[in-house]
PDB file of N, CA and C in Angstrom:
ATOM      1  N   MET A   1     -23.982 -20.368 -61.504  1.00  0.00           N
ATOM      2  CA  MET A   1     -23.002 -21.168 -62.218  1.00  0.00           C
ATOM      3  C   MET A   1     -21.971 -20.228 -62.846  1.00  0.00           C
ATOM      4  N   THR A   2     -20.690 -20.572 -62.711  1.00  0.00           N
ATOM      5  CA  THR A   2     -19.637 -19.717 -63.242  1.00  0.00           C
ATOM      6  C   THR A   2     -19.307 -20.099 -64.673  1.00  0.00           C
ATOM      7  N   ASP A   3     -18.836 -19.124 -65.382  1.00  0.00           N
ATOM      8  CA  ASP A   3     -18.448 -19.333 -66.784  1.00  0.00           C
ATOM      9  C   ASP A   3     -17.146 -20.127 -66.830  1.00  0.00           C
ATOM     10  N   PRO A   4     -17.092 -21.274 -67.571  1.00  0.00           N
ATOM     11  CA  PRO A   4     -15.862 -22.081 -67.594  1.00  0.00           C
ATOM     12  C   PRO A   4     -14.689 -21.387 -68.269  1.00  0.00           C
ATOM     13  N   THR A   5     -14.961 -20.347 -69.045  1.00  0.00           N
ATOM     14  CA  THR A   5     -13.859 -19.660 -69.717  1.00  0.00           C
ATOM     15  C   THR A   5     -13.238 -18.573 -68.849  1.00  0.00           C
ATOM     16  N   SER A   6     -13.904 -18.207 -67.755  1.00  0.00           N
ATOM     17  CA  SER A   6     -13.345 -17.174 -66.889  1.00  0.00           C
ATOM     18  C   SER A   6     -12.353 -17.807 -65.918  1.00  0.00           C
ATOM     19  N   ILE A   7     -11.325 -17.052 -65.615  1.00  0.00           N
ATOM     20  CA  ILE A   7     -10.279 -17.528 -64.712  1.00  0.00           C
ATOM     21  C   ILE A   7     -10.150 -16.535 -63.576  1.00  0.00           C
ATOM     22  N   ASP A   8     -10.139 -17.062 -62.376  1.00  0.00           N
ATOM     23  CA  ASP A   8      -9.935 -16.218 -61.211  1.00  0.00           C
ATOM     24  C   ASP A   8      -8.431 -16.071 -61.001  1.00  0.00           C
ATOM     25  N   ILE A   9      -7.911 -14.915 -61.322  1.00  0.00           N
ATOM     26  CA  ILE A   9      -6.472 -14.692 -61.279  1.00  0.00           C
ATOM     27  C   ILE A   9      -5.939 -14.729 -59.854  1.00  0.00           C
ATOM     28  N   GLU A  10      -6.722 -14.284 -58.889  1.00  0.00           N
ATOM     29  CA  GLU A  10      -6.250 -14.234 -57.508  1.00  0.00           C
ATOM     30  C   GLU A  10      -5.993 -15.623 -56.944  1.00  0.00           C
ATOM     31  N   ASP A  11      -6.774 -16.628 -57.359  1.00  0.00           N
ATOM     32  CA  ASP A  11      -6.601 -17.978 -56.848  1.00  0.00           C
ATOM     33  C   ASP A  11      -5.565 -18.774 -57.628  1.00  0.00           C
ATOM     34  N   ASP A  12      -5.129 -18.259 -58.776  1.00  0.00           N
ATOM     35  CA  ASP A  12      -4.203 -18.998 -59.633  1.00  0.00           C
ATOM     36  C   ASP A  12      -2.769 -18.776 -59.164  1.00  0.00           C
ATOM     37  N   THR A  13      -2.132 -19.833 -58.698  1.00  0.00           N
ATOM     38  CA  THR A  13      -0.707 -19.753 -58.344  1.00  0.00           C
ATOM     39  C   THR A  13       0.044 -20.686 -59.276  1.00  0.00           C
ATOM     40  N   SER A  14       0.971 -20.144 -59.972  1.00  0.00           N
ATOM     41  CA  SER A  14       1.740 -20.947 -60.909  1.00  0.00           C
ATOM     42  C   SER A  14       3.126 -21.224 -60.348  1.00  0.00           C
ATOM     43  N   GLU A  15       3.804 -22.151 -60.962  1.00  0.00           N
ATOM     44  CA  GLU A  15       5.151 -22.498 -60.518  1.00  0.00           C
ATOM     45  C   GLU A  15       6.121 -21.355 -60.761  1.00  0.00           C
ATOM     46  N   LEU A  16       5.826 -20.496 -61.739  1.00  0.00           N
ATOM     47  CA  LEU A  16       6.722 -19.377 -62.028  1.00  0.00           C
ATOM     48  C   LEU A  16       6.788 -18.401 -60.866  1.00  0.00           C
ATOM     49  N   ASP A  17       5.703 -18.313 -60.096  1.00  0.00           N
ATOM     50  CA  ASP A  17       5.714 -17.414 -58.945  1.00  0.00           C
ATOM     51  C   ASP A  17       6.648 -17.918 -57.847  1.00  0.00           C
ATOM     52  N   LEU A  18       6.920 -19.199 -57.843  1.00  0.00           N
ATOM     53  CA  LEU A  18       7.738 -19.790 -56.797  1.00  0.00           C
ATOM     54  C   LEU A  18       9.230 -19.747 -57.105  1.00  0.00           C
ATOM     55  N   LEU A  19       9.599 -19.518 -58.371  1.00  0.00           N
ATOM     56  CA  LEU A  19      10.999 -19.504 -58.758  1.00  0.00           C
ATOM     57  C   LEU A  19      11.607 -18.133 -58.537  1.00  0.00           C
ATOM     58  N   PRO A  20      12.860 -18.084 -58.108  1.00  0.00           N
ATOM     59  CA  PRO A  20      13.506 -16.776 -57.971  1.00  0.00           C
ATOM     60  C   PRO A  20      13.697 -16.116 -59.335  1.00  0.00           C
ATOM     61  N   VAL A  21      13.779 -14.808 -59.334  1.00  0.00           N
ATOM     62  CA  VAL A  21      13.890 -14.051 -60.571  1.00  0.00           C
ATOM     63  C   VAL A  21      15.143 -14.431 -61.348  1.00  0.00           C
ATOM     64  N   SER A  22      16.252 -14.725 -60.664  1.00  0.00           N
ATOM     65  CA  SER A  22      17.497 -15.049 -61.356  1.00  0.00           C
ATOM     66  C   SER A  22      17.384 -16.322 -62.177  1.00  0.00           C
ATOM     67  N   VAL A  23      16.501 -17.246 -61.777  1.00  0.00           N
ATOM     68  CA  VAL A  23      16.305 -18.469 -62.542  1.00  0.00           C
ATOM     69  C   VAL A  23      15.540 -18.164 -63.819  1.00  0.00           C
ATOM     70  N   LEU A  24      14.613 -17.232 -63.742  1.00  0.00           N
ATOM     71  CA  LEU A  24      13.792 -16.892 -64.895  1.00  0.00           C
ATOM     72  C   LEU A  24      14.546 -16.044 -65.907  1.00  0.00           C
ATOM     73  N   GLN A  25      15.401 -15.142 -65.430  1.00  0.00           N
ATOM     74  CA  GLN A  25      16.118 -14.234 -66.312  1.00  0.00           C
ATOM     75  C   GLN A  25      17.610 -14.297 -66.030  1.00  0.00           C
ATOM     76  N   PRO A  26      18.360 -15.049 -66.851  1.00  0.00           N
ATOM     77  CA  PRO A  26      19.809 -15.070 -66.643  1.00  0.00           C
ATOM     78  C   PRO A  26      20.391 -13.667 -66.837  1.00  0.00           C
ATOM     79  N   ASN A  27      21.444 -13.391 -66.120  1.00  0.00           N
ATOM     80  CA  ASN A  27      22.095 -12.089 -66.200  1.00  0.00           C
ATOM     81  C   ASN A  27      23.332 -12.220 -67.085  1.00  0.00           C
ATOM     82  N   PRO A  28      23.210 -11.921 -68.393  1.00  0.00           N
ATOM     83  CA  PRO A  28      24.360 -12.105 -69.286  1.00  0.00           C
ATOM     84  C   PRO A  28      25.509 -11.153 -68.937  1.00  0.00           C
ATOM     85  N   SER A  29      26.702 -11.660 -69.126  1.00  0.00           N
ATOM     86  CA  SER A  29      27.900 -10.881 -68.847  1.00  0.00           C
ATOM     87  C   SER A  29      28.401 -10.226 -70.135  1.00  0.00           C
ATOM     88  N   ARG A  30      28.436  -8.926 -70.144  1.00  0.00           N
ATOM     89  CA  ARG A  30      28.936  -8.203 -71.320  1.00  0.00           C
ATOM     90  C   ARG A  30      30.438  -8.387 -71.480  1.00  0.00           C
ATOM     91  N   VAL A  31      31.135  -8.532 -70.362  1.00  0.00           N
ATOM     92  CA  VAL A  31      32.586  -8.730 -70.417  1.00  0.00           C
ATOM     93  C   VAL A  31      32.904 -10.069 -71.075  1.00  0.00           C
ATOM     94  N   ARG A  32      32.174 -11.121 -70.691  1.00  0.00           N
ATOM     95  CA  ARG A  32      32.408 -12.431 -71.299  1.00  0.00           C
ATOM     96  C   ARG A  32      32.086 -12.413 -72.791  1.00  0.00           C
ATOM     97  N   LEU A  33      30.987 -11.764 -73.151  1.00  0.00           N
ATOM     98  CA  LEU A  33      30.627 -11.659 -74.565  1.00  0.00           C
ATOM     99  C   LEU A  33      31.693 -10.877 -75.327  1.00  0.00           C
ATOM    100  N   ALA A  34      32.182  -9.793 -74.754  1.00  0.00           N
ATOM    101  CA  ALA A  34      33.220  -8.990 -75.399  1.00  0.00           C
ATOM    102  C   ALA A  34      34.502  -9.793 -75.596  1.00  0.00           C
ATOM    103  N   MET A  35      34.883 -10.567 -74.588  1.00  0.00           N
ATOM    104  CA  MET A  35      36.097 -11.399 -74.716  1.00  0.00           C
ATOM    105  C   MET A  35      35.938 -12.419 -75.851  1.00  0.00           C
ATOM    106  N   LEU A  36      34.792 -13.078 -75.906  1.00  0.00           N
ATOM    107  CA  LEU A  36      34.568 -14.059 -76.964  1.00  0.00           C
ATOM    108  C   LEU A  36      34.532 -13.403 -78.342  1.00  0.00           C
ATOM    109  N   LEU A  37      33.938 -12.221 -78.430  1.00  0.00           N
ATOM    110  CA  LEU A  37      33.903 -11.513 -79.713  1.00  0.00           C
ATOM    111  C   LEU A  37      35.303 -11.104 -80.162  1.00  0.00           C
ATOM    112  N   VAL A  38      36.123 -10.638 -79.244  1.00  0.00           N
ATOM    113  CA  VAL A  38      37.493 -10.272 -79.607  1.00  0.00           C
ATOM    114  C   VAL A  38      38.257 -11.491 -80.103  1.00  0.00           C
ATOM    115  N   VAL A  39      38.116 -12.611 -79.394  1.00  0.00           N
ATOM    116  CA  VAL A  39      38.813 -13.835 -79.793  1.00  0.00           C
ATOM    117  C   VAL A  39      38.360 -14.291 -81.182  1.00  0.00           C
ATOM    118  N   ALA A  40      37.096 -14.094 -81.510  1.00  0.00           N
ATOM    119  CA  ALA A  40      36.576 -14.516 -82.810  1.00  0.00           C
ATOM    120  C   ALA A  40      36.845 -13.502 -83.917  1.00  0.00           C
ATOM    121  N   VAL A  41      36.743 -12.218 -83.606  1.00  0.00           N
ATOM    122  CA  VAL A  41      36.843 -11.183 -84.640  1.00  0.00           C
ATOM    123  C   VAL A  41      38.287 -10.858 -84.999  1.00  0.00           C
ATOM    124  N   TYR A  42      39.202 -10.911 -84.044  1.00  0.00           N
ATOM    125  CA  TYR A  42      40.599 -10.562 -84.313  1.00  0.00           C
ATOM    126  C   TYR A  42      41.199 -11.381 -85.463  1.00  0.00           C
ATOM    127  N   PRO A  43      41.124 -12.710 -85.427  1.00  0.00           N
ATOM    128  CA  PRO A  43      41.696 -13.453 -86.561  1.00  0.00           C
ATOM    129  C   PRO A  43      40.936 -13.213 -87.864  1.00  0.00           C
ATOM    130  N   LEU A  44      39.635 -12.957 -87.747  1.00  0.00           N
ATOM    131  CA  LEU A  44      38.837 -12.697 -88.948  1.00  0.00           C
ATOM    132  C   LEU A  44      39.267 -11.399 -89.633  1.00  0.00           C
ATOM    133  N   ILE A  45      39.419 -10.341 -88.869  1.00  0.00           N
ATOM    134  CA  ILE A  45      39.809  -9.064 -89.468  1.00  0.00           C
ATOM    135  C   ILE A  45      41.269  -9.082 -89.911  1.00  0.00           C
ATOM    136  N   THR A  46      42.127  -9.800 -89.188  1.00  0.00           N
ATOM    137  CA  THR A  46      43.526  -9.904 -89.601  1.00  0.00           C
ATOM    138  C   THR A  46      43.632 -10.630 -90.936  1.00  0.00           C
ATOM    139  N   THR A  47      42.901 -11.718 -91.090  1.00  0.00           N
ATOM    140  CA  THR A  47      42.889 -12.455 -92.354  1.00  0.00           C
ATOM    141  C   THR A  47      42.340 -11.592 -93.478  1.00  0.00           C
ATOM    142  N   LEU A  48      41.268 -10.872 -93.182  1.00  0.00           N
ATOM    143  CA  LEU A  48      40.668  -9.987 -94.185  1.00  0.00           C
ATOM    144  C   LEU A  48      41.649  -8.897 -94.616  1.00  0.00           C
ATOM    145  N   LEU A  49      42.380  -8.344 -93.679  1.00  0.00           N
ATOM    146  CA  LEU A  49      43.375  -7.318 -94.025  1.00  0.00           C
ATOM    147  C   LEU A  49      44.508  -7.897 -94.863  1.00  0.00           C
ATOM    148  N   TYR A  50      44.974  -9.102 -94.519  1.00  0.00           N
ATOM    149  CA  TYR A  50      46.027  -9.737 -95.319  1.00  0.00           C
ATOM    150  C   TYR A  50      45.564  -9.994 -96.749  1.00  0.00           C
ATOM    151  N   ILE A  51      44.312 -10.336 -96.916  1.00  0.00           N
ATOM    152  CA  ILE A  51      43.786 -10.608 -98.264  1.00  0.00           C
ATOM    153  C   ILE A  51      43.561  -9.319 -99.052  1.00  0.00           C
ATOM    154  N   LEU A  52      42.998  -8.302 -98.408  1.00  0.00           N
ATOM    155  CA  LEU A  52      42.600  -7.096 -99.134  1.00  0.00           C
ATOM    156  C   LEU A  52      43.709  -6.055 -99.284  1.00  0.00           C
ATOM    157  N   THR A  53      44.710  -6.066 -98.422  1.00  0.00           N
ATOM    158  CA  THR A  53      45.758  -5.043 -98.513  1.00  0.00           C
ATOM    159  C   THR A  53      46.489  -5.065 -99.856  1.00  0.00           C
ATOM    160  N   PRO A  54      46.904  -6.211-100.369  1.00  0.00           N
ATOM    161  CA  PRO A  54      47.562  -6.180-101.685  1.00  0.00           C
ATOM    162  C   PRO A  54      46.623  -5.749-102.815  1.00  0.00           C
ATOM    163  N   LEU A  55      45.344  -6.050-102.666  1.00  0.00           N
ATOM    164  CA  LEU A  55      44.376  -5.681-103.702  1.00  0.00           C
ATOM    165  C   LEU A  55      44.027  -4.199-103.669  1.00  0.00           C
ATOM    166  N   THR A  56      44.214  -3.565-102.505  1.00  0.00           N
ATOM    167  CA  THR A  56      43.844  -2.159-102.357  1.00  0.00           C
ATOM    168  C   THR A  56      45.073  -1.284-102.136  1.00  0.00           C
ATOM    169  N   ASP A  57      46.215  -1.700-102.643  1.00  0.00           N
ATOM    170  CA  ASP A  57      47.438  -0.936-102.494  1.00  0.00           C
ATOM    171  C   ASP A  57      47.275   0.426-103.177  1.00  0.00           C
ATOM    172  N   GLY A  58      47.575   1.469-102.450  1.00  0.00           N
ATOM    173  CA  GLY A  58      47.448   2.815-102.996  1.00  0.00           C
ATOM    174  C   GLY A  58      46.113   3.466-102.693  1.00  0.00           C
ATOM    175  N   TRP A  59      45.182   2.746-102.099  1.00  0.00           N
ATOM    176  CA  TRP A  59      43.887   3.323-101.737  1.00  0.00           C
ATOM    177  C   TRP A  59      44.037   4.162-100.466  1.00  0.00           C
ATOM    178  N   ALA A  60      43.191   5.134-100.297  1.00  0.00           N
ATOM    179  CA  ALA A  60      43.135   5.897 -99.047  1.00  0.00           C
ATOM    180  C   ALA A  60      42.557   4.997 -97.950  1.00  0.00           C
ATOM    181  N   VAL A  61      42.867   5.338 -96.716  1.00  0.00           N
ATOM    182  CA  VAL A  61      42.405   4.528 -95.593  1.00  0.00           C
ATOM    183  C   VAL A  61      40.881   4.446 -95.568  1.00  0.00           C
ATOM    184  N   TRP A  62      40.213   5.539 -95.856  1.00  0.00           N
ATOM    185  CA  TRP A  62      38.752   5.520 -95.795  1.00  0.00           C
ATOM    186  C   TRP A  62      38.151   4.644 -96.889  1.00  0.00           C
ATOM    187  N   HIS A  63      38.861   4.487 -98.004  1.00  0.00           N
ATOM    188  CA  HIS A  63      38.390   3.571 -99.055  1.00  0.00           C
ATOM    189  C   HIS A  63      38.457   2.121 -98.567  1.00  0.00           C
ATOM    190  N   ARG A  64      39.569   1.766 -97.943  1.00  0.00           N
ATOM    191  CA  ARG A  64      39.707   0.407 -97.403  1.00  0.00           C
ATOM    192  C   ARG A  64      38.662   0.143 -96.329  1.00  0.00           C
ATOM    193  N   THR A  65      38.475   1.127 -95.456  1.00  0.00           N
ATOM    194  CA  THR A  65      37.489   0.979 -94.392  1.00  0.00           C
ATOM    195  C   THR A  65      36.088   0.813 -94.970  1.00  0.00           C
ATOM    196  N   LEU A  66      35.804   1.544 -96.028  1.00  0.00           N
ATOM    197  CA  LEU A  66      34.503   1.440 -96.688  1.00  0.00           C
ATOM    198  C   LEU A  66      34.285   0.040 -97.258  1.00  0.00           C
ATOM    199  N   LEU A  67      35.337  -0.611 -97.662  1.00  0.00           N
ATOM    200  CA  LEU A  67      35.243  -1.976 -98.179  1.00  0.00           C
ATOM    201  C   LEU A  67      35.199  -3.014 -97.057  1.00  0.00           C
ATOM    202  N   ILE A  68      36.005  -2.815 -96.027  1.00  0.00           N
ATOM    203  CA  ILE A  68      36.128  -3.806 -94.964  1.00  0.00           C
ATOM    204  C   ILE A  68      34.953  -3.772 -93.989  1.00  0.00           C
ATOM    205  N   ALA A  69      34.439  -2.599 -93.670  1.00  0.00           N
ATOM    206  CA  ALA A  69      33.387  -2.476 -92.648  1.00  0.00           C
ATOM    207  C   ALA A  69      32.139  -3.318 -92.953  1.00  0.00           C
ATOM    208  N   PRO A  70      31.572  -3.255 -94.153  1.00  0.00           N
ATOM    209  CA  PRO A  70      30.383  -4.087 -94.403  1.00  0.00           C
ATOM    210  C   PRO A  70      30.677  -5.592 -94.338  1.00  0.00           C
ATOM    211  N   ILE A  71      31.864  -5.989 -94.764  1.00  0.00           N
ATOM    212  CA  ILE A  71      32.233  -7.403 -94.683  1.00  0.00           C
ATOM    213  C   ILE A  71      32.328  -7.830 -93.220  1.00  0.00           C
ATOM    214  N   MET A  72      32.955  -7.007 -92.392  1.00  0.00           N
ATOM    215  CA  MET A  72      33.098  -7.342 -90.976  1.00  0.00           C
ATOM    216  C   MET A  72      31.754  -7.347 -90.257  1.00  0.00           C
ATOM    217  N   VAL A  73      30.927  -6.345 -90.510  1.00  0.00           N
ATOM    218  CA  VAL A  73      29.616  -6.281 -89.849  1.00  0.00           C
ATOM    219  C   VAL A  73      28.770  -7.490 -90.245  1.00  0.00           C
ATOM    220  N   GLY A  74      28.750  -7.811 -91.523  1.00  0.00           N
ATOM    221  CA  GLY A  74      28.012  -8.988 -91.973  1.00  0.00           C
ATOM    222  C   GLY A  74      28.531 -10.274 -91.354  1.00  0.00           C
ATOM    223  N   SER A  75      29.850 -10.386 -91.258  1.00  0.00           N
ATOM    224  CA  SER A  75      30.448 -11.575 -90.642  1.00  0.00           C
ATOM    225  C   SER A  75      30.075 -11.690 -89.172  1.00  0.00           C
ATOM    226  N   ILE A  76      30.101 -10.578 -88.471  1.00  0.00           N
ATOM    227  CA  ILE A  76      29.760 -10.600 -87.053  1.00  0.00           C
ATOM    228  C   ILE A  76      28.279 -10.928 -86.847  1.00  0.00           C
ATOM    229  N   VAL A  77      27.416 -10.284 -87.619  1.00  0.00           N
ATOM    230  CA  VAL A  77      25.973 -10.477 -87.436  1.00  0.00           C
ATOM    231  C   VAL A  77      25.522 -11.868 -87.849  1.00  0.00           C
ATOM    232  N   PHE A  78      26.021 -12.363 -88.978  1.00  0.00           N
ATOM    233  CA  PHE A  78      25.503 -13.619 -89.519  1.00  0.00           C
ATOM    234  C   PHE A  78      26.374 -14.848 -89.242  1.00  0.00           C
ATOM    235  N   LEU A  79      27.593 -14.653 -88.763  1.00  0.00           N
ATOM    236  CA  LEU A  79      28.475 -15.796 -88.541  1.00  0.00           C
ATOM    237  C   LEU A  79      28.979 -15.863 -87.102  1.00  0.00           C
ATOM    238  N   VAL A  80      29.658 -14.820 -86.658  1.00  0.00           N
ATOM    239  CA  VAL A  80      30.330 -14.856 -85.352  1.00  0.00           C
ATOM    240  C   VAL A  80      29.332 -14.883 -84.195  1.00  0.00           C
ATOM    241  N   SER A  81      28.408 -13.931 -84.150  1.00  0.00           N
ATOM    242  CA  SER A  81      27.460 -13.863 -83.022  1.00  0.00           C
ATOM    243  C   SER A  81      26.580 -15.103 -82.900  1.00  0.00           C
ATOM    244  N   PRO A  82      25.986 -15.600 -83.995  1.00  0.00           N
ATOM    245  CA  PRO A  82      25.195 -16.831 -83.843  1.00  0.00           C
ATOM    246  C   PRO A  82      26.031 -18.027 -83.385  1.00  0.00           C
ATOM    247  N   THR A  83      27.273 -18.105 -83.845  1.00  0.00           N
ATOM    248  CA  THR A  83      28.138 -19.210 -83.427  1.00  0.00           C
ATOM    249  C   THR A  83      28.466 -19.107 -81.944  1.00  0.00           C
ATOM    250  N   ILE A  84      28.759 -17.910 -81.473  1.00  0.00           N
ATOM    251  CA  ILE A  84      29.029 -17.710 -80.049  1.00  0.00           C
ATOM    252  C   ILE A  84      27.783 -18.047 -79.240  1.00  0.00           C
ATOM    253  N   GLN A  85      26.625 -17.599 -79.700  1.00  0.00           N
ATOM    254  CA  GLN A  85      25.383 -17.880 -78.970  1.00  0.00           C
ATOM    255  C   GLN A  85      25.101 -19.378 -78.906  1.00  0.00           C
ATOM    256  N   LYS A  86      25.349 -20.066 -80.010  1.00  0.00           N
ATOM    257  CA  LYS A  86      25.067 -21.499 -80.071  1.00  0.00           C
ATOM    258  C   LYS A  86      26.002 -22.295 -79.162  1.00  0.00           C
ATOM    259  N   HIS A  87      27.287 -21.996 -79.214  1.00  0.00           N
ATOM    260  CA  HIS A  87      28.269 -22.803 -78.497  1.00  0.00           C
ATOM    261  C   HIS A  87      28.645 -22.268 -77.116  1.00  0.00           C
ATOM    262  N   PHE A  88      28.522 -20.955 -76.907  1.00  0.00           N
ATOM    263  CA  PHE A  88      28.949 -20.353 -75.643  1.00  0.00           C
ATOM    264  C   PHE A  88      27.870 -19.509 -74.980  1.00  0.00           C
ATOM    265  N   GLY A  89      26.626 -19.660 -75.398  1.00  0.00           N
ATOM    266  CA  GLY A  89      25.530 -18.899 -74.800  1.00  0.00           C
ATOM    267  C   GLY A  89      25.408 -19.146 -73.308  1.00  0.00           C
ATOM    268  N   TRP A  90      25.646 -20.371 -72.897  1.00  0.00           N
ATOM    269  CA  TRP A  90      25.601 -20.718 -71.471  1.00  0.00           C
ATOM    270  C   TRP A  90      26.659 -19.944 -70.686  1.00  0.00           C
ATOM    271  N   TYR A  91      27.837 -19.754 -71.298  1.00  0.00           N
ATOM    272  CA  TYR A  91      28.942 -19.053 -70.639  1.00  0.00           C
ATOM    273  C   TYR A  91      28.621 -17.562 -70.498  1.00  0.00           C
ATOM    274  N   VAL A  92      28.094 -16.971 -71.565  1.00  0.00           N
ATOM    275  CA  VAL A  92      27.749 -15.549 -71.535  1.00  0.00           C
ATOM    276  C   VAL A  92      26.613 -15.302 -70.546  1.00  0.00           C
ATOM    277  N   ALA A  93      25.658 -16.229 -70.482  1.00  0.00           N
ATOM    278  CA  ALA A  93      24.496 -16.075 -69.598  1.00  0.00           C
ATOM    279  C   ALA A  93      24.789 -16.468 -68.154  1.00  0.00           C
ATOM    280  N   ARG A  94      26.018 -16.893 -67.878  1.00  0.00           N
ATOM    281  CA  ARG A  94      26.439 -17.292 -66.532  1.00  0.00           C
ATOM    282  C   ARG A  94      25.637 -18.490 -66.018  1.00  0.00           C
ATOM    283  N   LEU A  95      25.423 -19.435 -66.911  1.00  0.00           N
ATOM    284  CA  LEU A  95      24.718 -20.666 -66.552  1.00  0.00           C
ATOM    285  C   LEU A  95      25.710 -21.816 -66.501  1.00  0.00           C
ATOM    286  N   PRO A  96      25.349 -22.919 -65.842  1.00  0.00           N
ATOM    287  CA  PRO A  96      26.250 -24.072 -65.863  1.00  0.00           C
ATOM    288  C   PRO A  96      26.367 -24.652 -67.264  1.00  0.00           C
ATOM    289  N   ARG A  97      27.506 -25.241 -67.537  1.00  0.00           N
ATOM    290  CA  ARG A  97      27.733 -25.824 -68.851  1.00  0.00           C
ATOM    291  C   ARG A  97      26.750 -26.977 -69.081  1.00  0.00           C
ATOM    292  N   PRO A  98      26.057 -26.973 -70.226  1.00  0.00           N
ATOM    293  CA  PRO A  98      25.091 -28.055 -70.479  1.00  0.00           C
ATOM    294  C   PRO A  98      25.819 -29.382 -70.713  1.00  0.00           C
ATOM    295  N   VAL A  99      25.155 -30.446 -70.330  1.00  0.00           N
ATOM    296  CA  VAL A  99      25.711 -31.790 -70.494  1.00  0.00           C
ATOM    297  C   VAL A  99      25.400 -32.252 -71.906  1.00  0.00           C
ATOM    298  N   ARG A 100      26.438 -32.692 -72.615  1.00  0.00           N
ATOM    299  CA  ARG A 100      26.235 -33.210 -73.973  1.00  0.00           C
ATOM    300  C   ARG A 100      25.781 -34.649 -73.902  1.00  0.00           C
ATOM    301  N   ARG A 101      24.771 -34.958 -74.673  1.00  0.00           N
ATOM    302  CA  ARG A 101      24.251 -36.323 -74.703  1.00  0.00           C
ATOM    303  C   ARG A 101      24.803 -37.049 -75.911  1.00  0.00           C
ATOM    304  N   GLU A 102      25.327 -38.197 -75.668  1.00  0.00           N
ATOM    305  CA  GLU A 102      25.895 -39.019 -76.740  1.00  0.00           C
ATOM    306  C   GLU A 102      24.748 -39.791 -77.415  1.00  0.00           C
ATOM    307  N   GLY A 103      24.858 -39.891 -78.734  1.00  0.00           N
ATOM    308  CA  GLY A 103      23.902 -40.745 -79.441  1.00  0.00           C
ATOM    309  C   GLY A 103      22.863 -40.083 -80.193  1.00  0.00           C
TER     310      GLY A 103
END
């Protein structure tokens, strides 16, 4: 009598073995992600510069950069990238656009 908890791996064929690798692992496009990041980050950094330039008049460039860099990195990590992933993840992953369900 065989142990019910043991599994014979050689006889086990799953549906994952039948799917092509490209279906299992989408190939994200770095170029598409870069384009979306530029479109999102450019207006963000331009607005930030317009706001901070009058406040930092007379500062050295490295002082301004020291102030702007953490704000930009935080914005990209916690705002821009998750938003791109949520709304355009299908585009970056080279998948068909998902169908929106009403209701």
